[in-house]
Amino acid sequence: MEKGKQKTEKQEHNLRDEEVQQCKSVFDKYKQKNDRINVWDIRAALKELEIEVVEDQLFQIFETINDKSGTIDFEQFLEVVGTQTTKKVGVTDLETRKMKLNVLRS
């Protein structure tokens, strides 16, 4: 197992522990009483993580997750973040991503 990654049953997001913690902090700001966030709050949460998505991408995300409720839970949110950062960030940009997370934490 790679250093900094915690093994979980559903880990499909390929995020490091510190990234998961940052995502949890942002997710908790937007979650509803049922521990889920809706499509528009996802956009705001992703923006807070410096991941920009357009409206069409949001609906593609929900179609990919195949969630009919219009909301996603934390594990699904991690999957979305992992997918979006994989699309956005190349291997050479991993250090930049780490620096951004450190700035967001402070």
PDB file of N, CA and C in Angstrom:
ATOM      1  N   MET A   1       0.851  -1.180   0.000  1.00  0.00           N
ATOM      2  CA  MET A   1       0.000   0.000   0.000  1.00  0.00           C
ATOM      3  C   MET A   1       0.888   1.231   0.000  1.00  0.00           C
ATOM      4  N   GLU A   2       0.517   2.250  -0.801  1.00  0.00           N
ATOM      5  CA  GLU A   2       1.275   3.473  -0.891  1.00  0.00           C
ATOM      6  C   GLU A   2       1.235   4.242   0.413  1.00  0.00           C
ATOM      7  N   LYS A   3       2.347   4.918   0.714  1.00  0.00           N
ATOM      8  CA  LYS A   3       2.405   5.727   1.929  1.00  0.00           C
ATOM      9  C   LYS A   3       1.381   6.850   1.828  1.00  0.00           C
ATOM     10  N   GLY A   4       0.681   7.109   2.918  1.00  0.00           N
ATOM     11  CA  GLY A   4      -0.292   8.195   2.951  1.00  0.00           C
ATOM     12  C   GLY A   4      -1.669   7.809   2.471  1.00  0.00           C
ATOM     13  N   LYS A   5      -1.847   6.567   2.077  1.00  0.00           N
ATOM     14  CA  LYS A   5      -3.178   6.115   1.653  1.00  0.00           C
ATOM     15  C   LYS A   5      -3.693   5.104   2.644  1.00  0.00           C
ATOM     16  N   GLN A   6      -4.908   5.297   3.054  1.00  0.00           N
ATOM     17  CA  GLN A   6      -5.533   4.388   3.999  1.00  0.00           C
ATOM     18  C   GLN A   6      -6.402   3.424   3.208  1.00  0.00           C
ATOM     19  N   LYS A   7      -6.307   2.149   3.496  1.00  0.00           N
ATOM     20  CA  LYS A   7      -7.094   1.160   2.764  1.00  0.00           C
ATOM     21  C   LYS A   7      -8.524   1.158   3.280  1.00  0.00           C
ATOM     22  N   THR A   8      -9.458   1.321   2.364  1.00  0.00           N
ATOM     23  CA  THR A   8     -10.873   1.236   2.692  1.00  0.00           C
ATOM     24  C   THR A   8     -11.534   0.326   1.667  1.00  0.00           C
ATOM     25  N   GLU A   9     -12.689  -0.175   2.010  1.00  0.00           N
ATOM     26  CA  GLU A   9     -13.404  -1.067   1.097  1.00  0.00           C
ATOM     27  C   GLU A   9     -13.768  -0.368  -0.211  1.00  0.00           C
ATOM     28  N   LYS A  10     -14.210   0.872  -0.117  1.00  0.00           N
ATOM     29  CA  LYS A  10     -14.722   1.560  -1.284  1.00  0.00           C
ATOM     30  C   LYS A  10     -13.714   2.514  -1.914  1.00  0.00           C
ATOM     31  N   GLN A  11     -12.441   2.442  -1.549  1.00  0.00           N
ATOM     32  CA  GLN A  11     -11.491   3.443  -2.015  1.00  0.00           C
ATOM     33  C   GLN A  11     -11.279   3.339  -3.519  1.00  0.00           C
ATOM     34  N   GLU A  12     -11.947   4.197  -4.251  1.00  0.00           N
ATOM     35  CA  GLU A  12     -11.802   4.288  -5.696  1.00  0.00           C
ATOM     36  C   GLU A  12     -11.332   5.673  -6.083  1.00  0.00           C
ATOM     37  N   HIS A  13     -11.048   6.487  -5.107  1.00  0.00           N
ATOM     38  CA  HIS A  13     -10.761   7.889  -5.361  1.00  0.00           C
ATOM     39  C   HIS A  13      -9.284   8.206  -5.507  1.00  0.00           C
ATOM     40  N   ASN A  14      -8.384   7.350  -5.037  1.00  0.00           N
ATOM     41  CA  ASN A  14      -6.943   7.557  -5.132  1.00  0.00           C
ATOM     42  C   ASN A  14      -6.467   8.856  -4.499  1.00  0.00           C
ATOM     43  N   LEU A  15      -7.102   9.273  -3.432  1.00  0.00           N
ATOM     44  CA  LEU A  15      -6.697  10.473  -2.713  1.00  0.00           C
ATOM     45  C   LEU A  15      -5.881  10.076  -1.487  1.00  0.00           C
ATOM     46  N   ARG A  16      -4.932  10.911  -1.145  1.00  0.00           N
ATOM     47  CA  ARG A  16      -4.137  10.671   0.056  1.00  0.00           C
ATOM     48  C   ARG A  16      -4.946  11.060   1.291  1.00  0.00           C
ATOM     49  N   ASP A  17      -4.503  10.581   2.456  1.00  0.00           N
ATOM     50  CA  ASP A  17      -5.222  10.831   3.714  1.00  0.00           C
ATOM     51  C   ASP A  17      -5.476  12.319   3.952  1.00  0.00           C
ATOM     52  N   GLU A  18      -4.454  13.152   3.711  1.00  0.00           N
ATOM     53  CA  GLU A  18      -4.630  14.591   3.949  1.00  0.00           C
ATOM     54  C   GLU A  18      -5.647  15.201   2.987  1.00  0.00           C
ATOM     55  N   GLU A  19      -5.724  14.656   1.778  1.00  0.00           N
ATOM     56  CA  GLU A  19      -6.716  15.136   0.826  1.00  0.00           C
ATOM     57  C   GLU A  19      -8.115  14.696   1.253  1.00  0.00           C
ATOM     58  N   VAL A  20      -8.225  13.485   1.762  1.00  0.00           N
ATOM     59  CA  VAL A  20      -9.516  12.995   2.253  1.00  0.00           C
ATOM     60  C   VAL A  20      -9.984  13.860   3.418  1.00  0.00           C
ATOM     61  N   GLN A  21      -9.082  14.213   4.315  1.00  0.00           N
ATOM     62  CA  GLN A  21      -9.441  15.072   5.450  1.00  0.00           C
ATOM     63  C   GLN A  21      -9.915  16.438   4.978  1.00  0.00           C
ATOM     64  N   GLN A  22      -9.232  17.005   3.996  1.00  0.00           N
ATOM     65  CA  GLN A  22      -9.642  18.295   3.439  1.00  0.00           C
ATOM     66  C   GLN A  22     -11.029  18.179   2.807  1.00  0.00           C
ATOM     67  N   CYS A  23     -11.253  17.110   2.075  1.00  0.00           N
ATOM     68  CA  CYS A  23     -12.562  16.886   1.460  1.00  0.00           C
ATOM     69  C   CYS A  23     -13.643  16.742   2.526  1.00  0.00           C
ATOM     70  N   LYS A  24     -13.335  16.037   3.605  1.00  0.00           N
ATOM     71  CA  LYS A  24     -14.301  15.841   4.697  1.00  0.00           C
ATOM     72  C   LYS A  24     -14.690  17.181   5.310  1.00  0.00           C
ATOM     73  N   SER A  25     -13.703  18.033   5.520  1.00  0.00           N
ATOM     74  CA  SER A  25     -13.959  19.357   6.087  1.00  0.00           C
ATOM     75  C   SER A  25     -14.898  20.173   5.194  1.00  0.00           C
ATOM     76  N   VAL A  26     -14.630  20.145   3.896  1.00  0.00           N
ATOM     77  CA  VAL A  26     -15.479  20.877   2.945  1.00  0.00           C
ATOM     78  C   VAL A  26     -16.855  20.227   2.851  1.00  0.00           C
ATOM     79  N   PHE A  27     -16.905  18.912   2.754  1.00  0.00           N
ATOM     80  CA  PHE A  27     -18.174  18.192   2.659  1.00  0.00           C
ATOM     81  C   PHE A  27     -19.060  18.519   3.861  1.00  0.00           C
ATOM     82  N   ASP A  28     -18.474  18.528   5.050  1.00  0.00           N
ATOM     83  CA  ASP A  28     -19.245  18.784   6.264  1.00  0.00           C
ATOM     84  C   ASP A  28     -19.884  20.172   6.280  1.00  0.00           C
ATOM     85  N   LYS A  29     -19.285  21.126   5.599  1.00  0.00           N
ATOM     86  CA  LYS A  29     -19.867  22.477   5.513  1.00  0.00           C
ATOM     87  C   LYS A  29     -21.181  22.480   4.742  1.00  0.00           C
ATOM     88  N   TYR A  30     -21.292  21.588   3.779  1.00  0.00           N
ATOM     89  CA  TYR A  30     -22.430  21.598   2.862  1.00  0.00           C
ATOM     90  C   TYR A  30     -23.438  20.484   3.098  1.00  0.00           C
ATOM     91  N   LYS A  31     -23.093  19.504   3.893  1.00  0.00           N
ATOM     92  CA  LYS A  31     -23.980  18.347   4.022  1.00  0.00           C
ATOM     93  C   LYS A  31     -25.302  18.725   4.683  1.00  0.00           C
ATOM     94  N   GLN A  32     -26.321  17.968   4.293  1.00  0.00           N
ATOM     95  CA  GLN A  32     -27.647  18.143   4.842  1.00  0.00           C
ATOM     96  C   GLN A  32     -27.808  17.213   6.037  1.00  0.00           C
ATOM     97  N   LYS A  33     -28.966  17.218   6.650  1.00  0.00           N
ATOM     98  CA  LYS A  33     -29.219  16.374   7.822  1.00  0.00           C
ATOM     99  C   LYS A  33     -29.039  14.886   7.532  1.00  0.00           C
ATOM    100  N   ASN A  34     -29.196  14.499   6.277  1.00  0.00           N
ATOM    101  CA  ASN A  34     -29.051  13.091   5.905  1.00  0.00           C
ATOM    102  C   ASN A  34     -27.614  12.737   5.502  1.00  0.00           C
ATOM    103  N   ASP A  35     -26.667  13.613   5.826  1.00  0.00           N
ATOM    104  CA  ASP A  35     -25.240  13.407   5.518  1.00  0.00           C
ATOM    105  C   ASP A  35     -24.965  13.270   4.024  1.00  0.00           C
ATOM    106  N   ARG A  36     -25.734  14.004   3.224  1.00  0.00           N
ATOM    107  CA  ARG A  36     -25.558  14.025   1.773  1.00  0.00           C
ATOM    108  C   ARG A  36     -25.563  15.473   1.313  1.00  0.00           C
ATOM    109  N   ILE A  37     -24.985  15.727   0.148  1.00  0.00           N
ATOM    110  CA  ILE A  37     -25.046  17.076  -0.417  1.00  0.00           C
ATOM    111  C   ILE A  37     -25.704  17.014  -1.788  1.00  0.00           C
ATOM    112  N   ASN A  38     -26.364  18.117  -2.148  1.00  0.00           N
ATOM    113  CA  ASN A  38     -27.077  18.145  -3.422  1.00  0.00           C
ATOM    114  C   ASN A  38     -26.178  18.650  -4.553  1.00  0.00           C
ATOM    115  N   VAL A  39     -26.691  18.601  -5.754  1.00  0.00           N
ATOM    116  CA  VAL A  39     -25.905  18.910  -6.943  1.00  0.00           C
ATOM    117  C   VAL A  39     -25.316  20.323  -6.903  1.00  0.00           C
ATOM    118  N   TRP A  40     -26.061  21.295  -6.421  1.00  0.00           N
ATOM    119  CA  TRP A  40     -25.558  22.674  -6.425  1.00  0.00           C
ATOM    120  C   TRP A  40     -24.524  22.878  -5.323  1.00  0.00           C
ATOM    121  N   ASP A  41     -24.700  22.215  -4.206  1.00  0.00           N
ATOM    122  CA  ASP A  41     -23.698  22.294  -3.145  1.00  0.00           C
ATOM    123  C   ASP A  41     -22.413  21.576  -3.538  1.00  0.00           C
ATOM    124  N   ILE A  42     -22.532  20.559  -4.372  1.00  0.00           N
ATOM    125  CA  ILE A  42     -21.333  19.880  -4.863  1.00  0.00           C
ATOM    126  C   ILE A  42     -20.488  20.858  -5.650  1.00  0.00           C
ATOM    127  N   ARG A  43     -21.134  21.637  -6.472  1.00  0.00           N
ATOM    128  CA  ARG A  43     -20.398  22.627  -7.274  1.00  0.00           C
ATOM    129  C   ARG A  43     -19.656  23.593  -6.365  1.00  0.00           C
ATOM    130  N   ALA A  44     -20.320  24.086  -5.329  1.00  0.00           N
ATOM    131  CA  ALA A  44     -19.680  25.014  -4.391  1.00  0.00           C
ATOM    132  C   ALA A  44     -18.537  24.331  -3.637  1.00  0.00           C
ATOM    133  N   ALA A  45     -18.761  23.088  -3.223  1.00  0.00           N
ATOM    134  CA  ALA A  45     -17.726  22.349  -2.487  1.00  0.00           C
ATOM    135  C   ALA A  45     -16.511  22.107  -3.376  1.00  0.00           C
ATOM    136  N   LEU A  46     -16.741  21.723  -4.621  1.00  0.00           N
ATOM    137  CA  LEU A  46     -15.627  21.507  -5.545  1.00  0.00           C
ATOM    138  C   LEU A  46     -14.867  22.808  -5.787  1.00  0.00           C
ATOM    139  N   LYS A  47     -15.606  23.890  -5.910  1.00  0.00           N
ATOM    140  CA  LYS A  47     -14.957  25.187  -6.113  1.00  0.00           C
ATOM    141  C   LYS A  47     -14.072  25.521  -4.916  1.00  0.00           C
ATOM    142  N   GLU A  48     -14.535  25.216  -3.735  1.00  0.00           N
ATOM    143  CA  GLU A  48     -13.750  25.451  -2.528  1.00  0.00           C
ATOM    144  C   GLU A  48     -12.462  24.625  -2.542  1.00  0.00           C
ATOM    145  N   LEU A  49     -12.499  23.489  -3.206  1.00  0.00           N
ATOM    146  CA  LEU A  49     -11.312  22.643  -3.358  1.00  0.00           C
ATOM    147  C   LEU A  49     -10.515  23.010  -4.610  1.00  0.00           C
ATOM    148  N   GLU A  50     -10.887  24.143  -5.226  1.00  0.00           N
ATOM    149  CA  GLU A  50     -10.246  24.663  -6.433  1.00  0.00           C
ATOM    150  C   GLU A  50     -10.414  23.744  -7.631  1.00  0.00           C
ATOM    151  N   ILE A  51     -11.589  23.111  -7.693  1.00  0.00           N
ATOM    152  CA  ILE A  51     -11.951  22.285  -8.842  1.00  0.00           C
ATOM    153  C   ILE A  51     -13.169  22.945  -9.477  1.00  0.00           C
ATOM    154  N   GLU A  52     -12.973  23.496 -10.654  1.00  0.00           N
ATOM    155  CA  GLU A  52     -14.056  24.173 -11.351  1.00  0.00           C
ATOM    156  C   GLU A  52     -14.810  23.187 -12.238  1.00  0.00           C
ATOM    157  N   VAL A  53     -16.121  23.181 -12.137  1.00  0.00           N
ATOM    158  CA  VAL A  53     -16.956  22.367 -13.017  1.00  0.00           C
ATOM    159  C   VAL A  53     -18.086  23.241 -13.546  1.00  0.00           C
ATOM    160  N   VAL A  54     -18.468  22.973 -14.773  1.00  0.00           N
ATOM    161  CA  VAL A  54     -19.601  23.687 -15.354  1.00  0.00           C
ATOM    162  C   VAL A  54     -20.861  22.863 -15.116  1.00  0.00           C
ATOM    163  N   GLU A  55     -21.990  23.479 -15.347  1.00  0.00           N
ATOM    164  CA  GLU A  55     -23.275  22.839 -15.068  1.00  0.00           C
ATOM    165  C   GLU A  55     -23.415  21.484 -15.755  1.00  0.00           C
ATOM    166  N   ASP A  56     -23.011  21.399 -17.016  1.00  0.00           N
ATOM    167  CA  ASP A  56     -23.105  20.126 -17.742  1.00  0.00           C
ATOM    168  C   ASP A  56     -22.289  19.035 -17.057  1.00  0.00           C
ATOM    169  N   GLN A  57     -21.113  19.403 -16.543  1.00  0.00           N
ATOM    170  CA  GLN A  57     -20.271  18.429 -15.851  1.00  0.00           C
ATOM    171  C   GLN A  57     -20.961  17.910 -14.594  1.00  0.00           C
ATOM    172  N   LEU A  58     -21.665  18.790 -13.890  1.00  0.00           N
ATOM    173  CA  LEU A  58     -22.376  18.363 -12.684  1.00  0.00           C
ATOM    174  C   LEU A  58     -23.381  17.273 -12.998  1.00  0.00           C
ATOM    175  N   PHE A  59     -24.131  17.475 -14.057  1.00  0.00           N
ATOM    176  CA  PHE A  59     -25.133  16.482 -14.421  1.00  0.00           C
ATOM    177  C   PHE A  59     -24.485  15.194 -14.937  1.00  0.00           C
ATOM    178  N   GLN A  60     -23.334  15.309 -15.606  1.00  0.00           N
ATOM    179  CA  GLN A  60     -22.596  14.113 -16.024  1.00  0.00           C
ATOM    180  C   GLN A  60     -22.094  13.353 -14.803  1.00  0.00           C
ATOM    181  N   ILE A  61     -21.661  14.083 -13.787  1.00  0.00           N
ATOM    182  CA  ILE A  61     -21.205  13.452 -12.544  1.00  0.00           C
ATOM    183  C   ILE A  61     -22.330  12.615 -11.954  1.00  0.00           C
ATOM    184  N   PHE A  62     -23.527  13.198 -11.861  1.00  0.00           N
ATOM    185  CA  PHE A  62     -24.656  12.465 -11.299  1.00  0.00           C
ATOM    186  C   PHE A  62     -25.060  11.291 -12.174  1.00  0.00           C
ATOM    187  N   GLU A  63     -24.959  11.462 -13.471  1.00  0.00           N
ATOM    188  CA  GLU A  63     -25.283  10.354 -14.371  1.00  0.00           C
ATOM    189  C   GLU A  63     -24.279   9.219 -14.177  1.00  0.00           C
ATOM    190  N   THR A  64     -23.017   9.557 -14.001  1.00  0.00           N
ATOM    191  CA  THR A  64     -21.978   8.557 -13.790  1.00  0.00           C
ATOM    192  C   THR A  64     -22.196   7.813 -12.478  1.00  0.00           C
ATOM    193  N   ILE A  65     -22.527   8.556 -11.436  1.00  0.00           N
ATOM    194  CA  ILE A  65     -22.758   7.949 -10.132  1.00  0.00           C
ATOM    195  C   ILE A  65     -24.076   7.181 -10.134  1.00  0.00           C
ATOM    196  N   ASN A  66     -24.979   7.586 -11.034  1.00  0.00           N
ATOM    197  CA  ASN A  66     -26.279   6.947 -11.166  1.00  0.00           C
ATOM    198  C   ASN A  66     -27.087   7.060  -9.879  1.00  0.00           C
ATOM    199  N   ASP A  67     -27.107   8.246  -9.336  1.00  0.00           N
ATOM    200  CA  ASP A  67     -27.833   8.497  -8.098  1.00  0.00           C
ATOM    201  C   ASP A  67     -29.124   9.247  -8.439  1.00  0.00           C
ATOM    202  N   LYS A  68     -30.225   8.610  -8.218  1.00  0.00           N
ATOM    203  CA  LYS A  68     -31.526   9.197  -8.568  1.00  0.00           C
ATOM    204  C   LYS A  68     -32.020  10.202  -7.533  1.00  0.00           C
ATOM    205  N   SER A  69     -31.365  10.273  -6.388  1.00  0.00           N
ATOM    206  CA  SER A  69     -31.834  11.140  -5.310  1.00  0.00           C
ATOM    207  C   SER A  69     -31.475  12.608  -5.521  1.00  0.00           C
ATOM    208  N   GLY A  70     -30.520  12.895  -6.403  1.00  0.00           N
ATOM    209  CA  GLY A  70     -30.069  14.273  -6.572  1.00  0.00           C
ATOM    210  C   GLY A  70     -29.077  14.689  -5.501  1.00  0.00           C
ATOM    211  N   THR A  71     -28.637  13.727  -4.691  1.00  0.00           N
ATOM    212  CA  THR A  71     -27.645  14.001  -3.661  1.00  0.00           C
ATOM    213  C   THR A  71     -26.587  12.889  -3.681  1.00  0.00           C
ATOM    214  N   ILE A  72     -25.431  13.186  -3.081  1.00  0.00           N
ATOM    215  CA  ILE A  72     -24.400  12.163  -2.948  1.00  0.00           C
ATOM    216  C   ILE A  72     -23.890  12.140  -1.514  1.00  0.00           C
ATOM    217  N   ASP A  73     -23.370  10.971  -1.117  1.00  0.00           N
ATOM    218  CA  ASP A  73     -22.790  10.844   0.216  1.00  0.00           C
ATOM    219  C   ASP A  73     -21.287  11.138   0.152  1.00  0.00           C
ATOM    220  N   PHE A  74     -20.610  11.023   1.274  1.00  0.00           N
ATOM    221  CA  PHE A  74     -19.197  11.375   1.334  1.00  0.00           C
ATOM    222  C   PHE A  74     -18.329  10.480   0.450  1.00  0.00           C
ATOM    223  N   GLU A  75     -18.581   9.189   0.452  1.00  0.00           N
ATOM    224  CA  GLU A  75     -17.792   8.284  -0.396  1.00  0.00           C
ATOM    225  C   GLU A  75     -17.938   8.646  -1.870  1.00  0.00           C
ATOM    226  N   GLN A  76     -19.155   8.968  -2.278  1.00  0.00           N
ATOM    227  CA  GLN A  76     -19.381   9.378  -3.662  1.00  0.00           C
ATOM    228  C   GLN A  76     -18.696  10.711  -3.947  1.00  0.00           C
ATOM    229  N   PHE A  77     -18.701  11.612  -2.967  1.00  0.00           N
ATOM    230  CA  PHE A  77     -18.021  12.893  -3.113  1.00  0.00           C
ATOM    231  C   PHE A  77     -16.522  12.675  -3.331  1.00  0.00           C
ATOM    232  N   LEU A  78     -15.933  11.772  -2.563  1.00  0.00           N
ATOM    233  CA  LEU A  78     -14.510  11.461  -2.743  1.00  0.00           C
ATOM    234  C   LEU A  78     -14.240  10.925  -4.143  1.00  0.00           C
ATOM    235  N   GLU A  79     -15.142  10.097  -4.629  1.00  0.00           N
ATOM    236  CA  GLU A  79     -15.006   9.561  -5.979  1.00  0.00           C
ATOM    237  C   GLU A  79     -15.035  10.685  -7.007  1.00  0.00           C
ATOM    238  N   VAL A  80     -15.949  11.629  -6.824  1.00  0.00           N
ATOM    239  CA  VAL A  80     -16.050  12.775  -7.732  1.00  0.00           C
ATOM    240  C   VAL A  80     -14.768  13.596  -7.684  1.00  0.00           C
ATOM    241  N   VAL A  81     -14.300  13.914  -6.483  1.00  0.00           N
ATOM    242  CA  VAL A  81     -13.079  14.708  -6.341  1.00  0.00           C
ATOM    243  C   VAL A  81     -11.905  13.981  -6.979  1.00  0.00           C
ATOM    244  N   GLY A  82     -11.785  12.692  -6.712  1.00  0.00           N
ATOM    245  CA  GLY A  82     -10.703  11.913  -7.302  1.00  0.00           C
ATOM    246  C   GLY A  82     -10.746  11.908  -8.817  1.00  0.00           C
ATOM    247  N   THR A  83     -11.931  11.763  -9.365  1.00  0.00           N
ATOM    248  CA  THR A  83     -12.099  11.765 -10.817  1.00  0.00           C
ATOM    249  C   THR A  83     -11.765  13.128 -11.407  1.00  0.00           C
ATOM    250  N   GLN A  84     -12.255  14.184 -10.779  1.00  0.00           N
ATOM    251  CA  GLN A  84     -12.028  15.527 -11.300  1.00  0.00           C
ATOM    252  C   GLN A  84     -10.564  15.936 -11.187  1.00  0.00           C
ATOM    253  N   THR A  85      -9.916  15.583 -10.092  1.00  0.00           N
ATOM    254  CA  THR A  85      -8.504  15.946  -9.952  1.00  0.00           C
ATOM    255  C   THR A  85      -7.642  15.130 -10.893  1.00  0.00           C
ATOM    256  N   THR A  86      -8.045  13.903 -11.190  1.00  0.00           N
ATOM    257  CA  THR A  86      -7.302  13.082 -12.145  1.00  0.00           C
ATOM    258  C   THR A  86      -7.379  13.706 -13.535  1.00  0.00           C
ATOM    259  N   LYS A  87      -8.538  14.219 -13.887  1.00  0.00           N
ATOM    260  CA  LYS A  87      -8.700  14.865 -15.187  1.00  0.00           C
ATOM    261  C   LYS A  87      -7.902  16.161 -15.246  1.00  0.00           C
ATOM    262  N   LYS A  88      -7.890  16.882 -14.129  1.00  0.00           N
ATOM    263  CA  LYS A  88      -7.309  18.217 -14.094  1.00  0.00           C
ATOM    264  C   LYS A  88      -5.807  18.195 -13.847  1.00  0.00           C
ATOM    265  N   VAL A  89      -5.344  17.264 -13.040  1.00  0.00           N
ATOM    266  CA  VAL A  89      -3.969  17.297 -12.563  1.00  0.00           C
ATOM    267  C   VAL A  89      -3.147  16.200 -13.215  1.00  0.00           C
ATOM    268  N   GLY A  90      -2.052  16.583 -13.822  1.00  0.00           N
ATOM    269  CA  GLY A  90      -1.120  15.618 -14.380  1.00  0.00           C
ATOM    270  C   GLY A  90      -0.120  15.193 -13.310  1.00  0.00           C
ATOM    271  N   VAL A  91       0.671  14.197 -13.621  1.00  0.00           N
ATOM    272  CA  VAL A  91       1.641  13.677 -12.664  1.00  0.00           C
ATOM    273  C   VAL A  91       2.586  14.774 -12.211  1.00  0.00           C
ATOM    274  N   THR A  92       2.995  15.654 -13.096  1.00  0.00           N
ATOM    275  CA  THR A  92       3.944  16.701 -12.741  1.00  0.00           C
ATOM    276  C   THR A  92       3.319  17.766 -11.850  1.00  0.00           C
ATOM    277  N   ASP A  93       1.999  17.797 -11.756  1.00  0.00           N
ATOM    278  CA  ASP A  93       1.317  18.805 -10.952  1.00  0.00           C
ATOM    279  C   ASP A  93       0.948  18.316  -9.553  1.00  0.00           C
ATOM    280  N   LEU A  94       1.356  17.122  -9.169  1.00  0.00           N
ATOM    281  CA  LEU A  94       0.987  16.598  -7.855  1.00  0.00           C
ATOM    282  C   LEU A  94       1.535  17.453  -6.731  1.00  0.00           C
ATOM    283  N   GLU A  95       2.742  17.960  -6.868  1.00  0.00           N
ATOM    284  CA  GLU A  95       3.311  18.819  -5.831  1.00  0.00           C
ATOM    285  C   GLU A  95       2.512  20.111  -5.706  1.00  0.00           C
ATOM    286  N   THR A  96       2.070  20.664  -6.815  1.00  0.00           N
ATOM    287  CA  THR A  96       1.240  21.864  -6.789  1.00  0.00           C
ATOM    288  C   THR A  96      -0.053  21.592  -6.040  1.00  0.00           C
ATOM    289  N   ARG A  97      -0.656  20.441  -6.279  1.00  0.00           N
ATOM    290  CA  ARG A  97      -1.891  20.062  -5.591  1.00  0.00           C
ATOM    291  C   ARG A  97      -1.653  19.946  -4.091  1.00  0.00           C
ATOM    292  N   LYS A  98      -0.514  19.369  -3.696  1.00  0.00           N
ATOM    293  CA  LYS A  98      -0.191  19.261  -2.268  1.00  0.00           C
ATOM    294  C   LYS A  98      -0.059  20.644  -1.638  1.00  0.00           C
ATOM    295  N   MET A  99       0.605  21.555  -2.367  1.00  0.00           N
ATOM    296  CA  MET A  99       0.794  22.910  -1.843  1.00  0.00           C
ATOM    297  C   MET A  99      -0.552  23.608  -1.665  1.00  0.00           C
ATOM    298  N   LYS A 100      -1.452  23.436  -2.615  1.00  0.00           N
ATOM    299  CA  LYS A 100      -2.780  24.061  -2.514  1.00  0.00           C
ATOM    300  C   LYS A 100      -3.529  23.519  -1.299  1.00  0.00           C
ATOM    301  N   LEU A 101      -3.434  22.217  -1.052  1.00  0.00           N
ATOM    302  CA  LEU A 101      -4.090  21.640   0.111  1.00  0.00           C
ATOM    303  C   LEU A 101      -3.509  22.198   1.398  1.00  0.00           C
ATOM    304  N   ASN A 102      -2.205  22.396   1.444  1.00  0.00           N
ATOM    305  CA  ASN A 102      -1.577  22.975   2.624  1.00  0.00           C
ATOM    306  C   ASN A 102      -2.054  24.398   2.861  1.00  0.00           C
ATOM    307  N   VAL A 103      -2.212  25.169   1.799  1.00  0.00           N
ATOM    308  CA  VAL A 103      -2.709  26.526   1.922  1.00  0.00           C
ATOM    309  C   VAL A 103      -4.138  26.523   2.431  1.00  0.00           C
ATOM    310  N   LEU A 104      -4.966  25.611   1.898  1.00  0.00           N
ATOM    311  CA  LEU A 104      -6.360  25.534   2.325  1.00  0.00           C
ATOM    312  C   LEU A 104      -6.483  25.147   3.794  1.00  0.00           C
ATOM    313  N   ARG A 105      -5.532  24.334   4.277  1.00  0.00           N
ATOM    314  CA  ARG A 105      -5.561  23.905   5.675  1.00  0.00           C
ATOM    315  C   ARG A 105      -5.212  25.031   6.633  1.00  0.00           C
ATOM    316  N   SER A 106      -4.396  25.977   6.184  1.00  0.00           N
ATOM    317  CA  SER A 106      -3.950  27.023   7.117  1.00  0.00           C
ATOM    318  C   SER A 106      -4.918  28.169   7.230  1.00  0.00           C
TER     319      SER A 106
END
